[in-house]
Structure formats: structure tokens, C-alpha cells
Amino acid sequence: MSQLTISLPGTITEDEAKLLLAVKLFEVGRLSAGQASELAGCSKRTFMELSGKYGVPTFDYSTDELTDDLRHA
């Protein structure tokens, strides 16, 4: 794993920066939910909940796929 050192303004904590980086990398498909939760330092469930709070969907289903899945459930 690579390591990166950055300077953060006093208004942003290290934990917040890690979470936001993980959310963005997950959003663009560079990390899985499990990898992103590890980077953020939280459980996968917590990460998924926090992602939703930032407007990032945790499931990438189209409306048609979801409707089809519900029809077959």
C-alpha cells in the first residue's frame, strides 16, 4: 500500500479527510466498498451509511435492473 502525506487546514481532521477521499474513490469506482471502508477506518456498513449522507449511492442499479430484481424476488 502506498503512503501519502498532506497538510490539512485546521478545520479538517485526518479522519474526515480519509473518509472523504474514500467516498470519492468509491464513487468513481476506484475502490470497492470494502477497500473504501478500510481506508476510512470504519466498518463496511458504516461506510455505506456515510456514503449515502454524501449523496453517493452504494448500489449501482439502473431503474430497469431494480424493477427486474423486484419482479423476481
Protein backbone atom coordinates (compact mmCIF):
# COMPACT_ATOMS: atom_id res chain seq x y z
CA MET A 1 0.00 0.00 0.00
CA SER A 2 1.24 3.49 -0.85
CA GLN A 3 1.57 6.26 1.65
CA LEU A 4 0.73 9.94 1.12
CA THR A 5 1.49 12.89 3.36
CA ILE A 6 -0.54 16.08 3.02
CA SER A 7 -1.02 19.20 5.10
CA LEU A 8 -4.61 19.82 6.14
CA PRO A 9 -6.15 23.08 7.30
CA GLY A 10 -7.00 23.07 10.99
CA THR A 11 -10.70 22.85 10.15
CA ILE A 12 -10.35 19.38 8.61
CA THR A 13 -9.39 16.37 10.69
CA GLU A 14 -7.35 13.45 9.41
CA ASP A 15 -10.34 11.13 9.89
CA GLU A 16 -12.59 13.44 7.87
CA ALA A 17 -10.03 13.67 5.05
CA LYS A 18 -9.67 9.88 4.93
CA LEU A 19 -13.44 9.43 4.82
CA LEU A 20 -13.93 11.99 2.06
CA LEU A 21 -11.11 10.51 0.00
CA ALA A 22 -12.55 7.02 0.45
CA VAL A 23 -16.05 8.20 -0.53
CA LYS A 24 -14.79 9.87 -3.70
CA LEU A 25 -12.62 6.92 -4.74
CA PHE A 26 -15.60 4.62 -4.16
CA GLU A 27 -17.90 6.95 -6.12
CA VAL A 28 -15.67 6.91 -9.20
CA GLY A 29 -15.18 3.15 -8.99
CA ARG A 30 -11.52 3.08 -8.00
CA LEU A 31 -12.21 1.31 -4.67
CA SER A 32 -14.73 -1.31 -3.64
CA ALA A 33 -16.93 -0.63 -0.62
CA GLY A 34 -14.70 -2.92 1.45
CA GLN A 35 -11.50 -1.20 0.36
CA ALA A 36 -13.02 2.23 0.91
CA SER A 37 -14.26 1.32 4.38
CA GLU A 38 -10.77 0.11 5.26
CA LEU A 39 -9.25 3.40 4.07
CA ALA A 40 -11.87 5.36 6.01
CA GLY A 41 -11.21 3.29 9.13
CA CYS A 42 -14.78 2.12 9.68
CA SER A 43 -16.96 -0.91 9.07
CA LYS A 44 -18.39 -1.54 5.64
CA ARG A 45 -21.90 -0.90 6.95
CA THR A 46 -20.88 2.43 8.49
CA PHE A 47 -19.08 3.42 5.30
CA MET A 48 -22.15 2.68 3.21
CA GLU A 49 -24.32 4.77 5.53
CA LEU A 50 -21.87 7.67 5.44
CA SER A 51 -21.58 7.47 1.65
CA GLY A 52 -25.33 7.90 1.42
CA LYS A 53 -25.13 11.02 3.57
CA TYR A 54 -22.74 12.48 0.99
CA GLY A 55 -25.15 11.59 -1.83
CA VAL A 56 -23.11 8.67 -3.15
CA PRO A 57 -25.27 5.65 -3.95
CA THR A 58 -23.96 2.39 -2.54
CA PHE A 59 -25.66 0.26 -5.19
CA ASP A 60 -25.27 0.96 -8.88
CA TYR A 61 -28.59 -0.37 -10.15
CA SER A 62 -30.47 1.12 -13.06
CA THR A 63 -34.23 1.50 -12.65
CA ASP A 64 -34.78 -1.39 -15.06
CA GLU A 65 -32.40 -3.68 -13.17
CA LEU A 66 -34.05 -2.87 -9.85
CA THR A 67 -37.55 -3.37 -11.25
CA ASP A 68 -36.49 -6.71 -12.76
CA ASP A 69 -34.92 -7.84 -9.48
CA LEU A 70 -38.04 -6.88 -7.52
CA ARG A 71 -40.24 -8.72 -10.02
CA HIS A 72 -38.20 -11.90 -9.50
CA ALA A 73 -37.96 -11.63 -5.73
